Amino acid sequence: MQCLDYDWQTDDISAWHQLWFVGDQHYGSAGCAVERMVENVEEIKSEPKARVVLMGDCADFVNFTDKRFDLTQVAPTWQSHLDDLPRFGSMEFVKIYEPIKDKIVCLIPGNHDETIRRRYHFDVAGFIAGLLGCPLLGTVSQLRLRLHTDLADTKNRRALIIKGVLSHAEKGSATLGGKVSAASRIFDFFGDHDFIAQAHMHEYLV
């Protein structure tokens, strides 16, 4: 299992800070909420105390040779790129997130990303992480946030460590209770943590 220590310097450790966990955007699919996606990026960009973790399945990446492929589910503007959908989709996603790349803590792969890597020999998650300049972790990983004030100011320096588990594809249920149970299993397995971030469930929560 991979573990990332993320250094987050702030001017006020007692103020509210935002940590976004964004996954399953499935950019390029007909059902992608593109407007919401762009709005989220703008909100993160405008908030100095905001950071984001990308939780996988940034784009849909369902190739035309995949049994799940349905042309009606591909965004019309993407249909002329079916011969190179993973690379095209990755670069289109990066265009949206480029303005906040300095706020991206890390990226973990999703199940769609892993399908492309295993079956079609192209690491889309690694490609996106490389273009955005952020660390690439595993589908289940640990994150330690080291939130601190100016380290050079030894007299007034303050620090806080927040640790948690990131997971993409631990499946639960169609019900809220089943989803909570799935997250709980991971939390119990990895022991004492401050948070768990679970993707793959297609929920929009605060």
Foldseek 3Di string as FASTA:
>chain_A
DAEDEAEAADADPPDDAAEAEDEDQQPQWPPRPVVVVLVVLVVQLVDPRYAYEYQANLHNLQAPVHPPDDLNGGPPVCSVPNVPNLVVVLVVSCVSNLSPLVRYAEYEYAPSQVCCCVPVVDRSRVVNCVSSVHYYDYQKYKYKYWYWYDPVCVVPIDIDIAIEIRHEDQDFDLDPVRVVVSQVVVDVVVDDGDDYHYHPNPDDDD
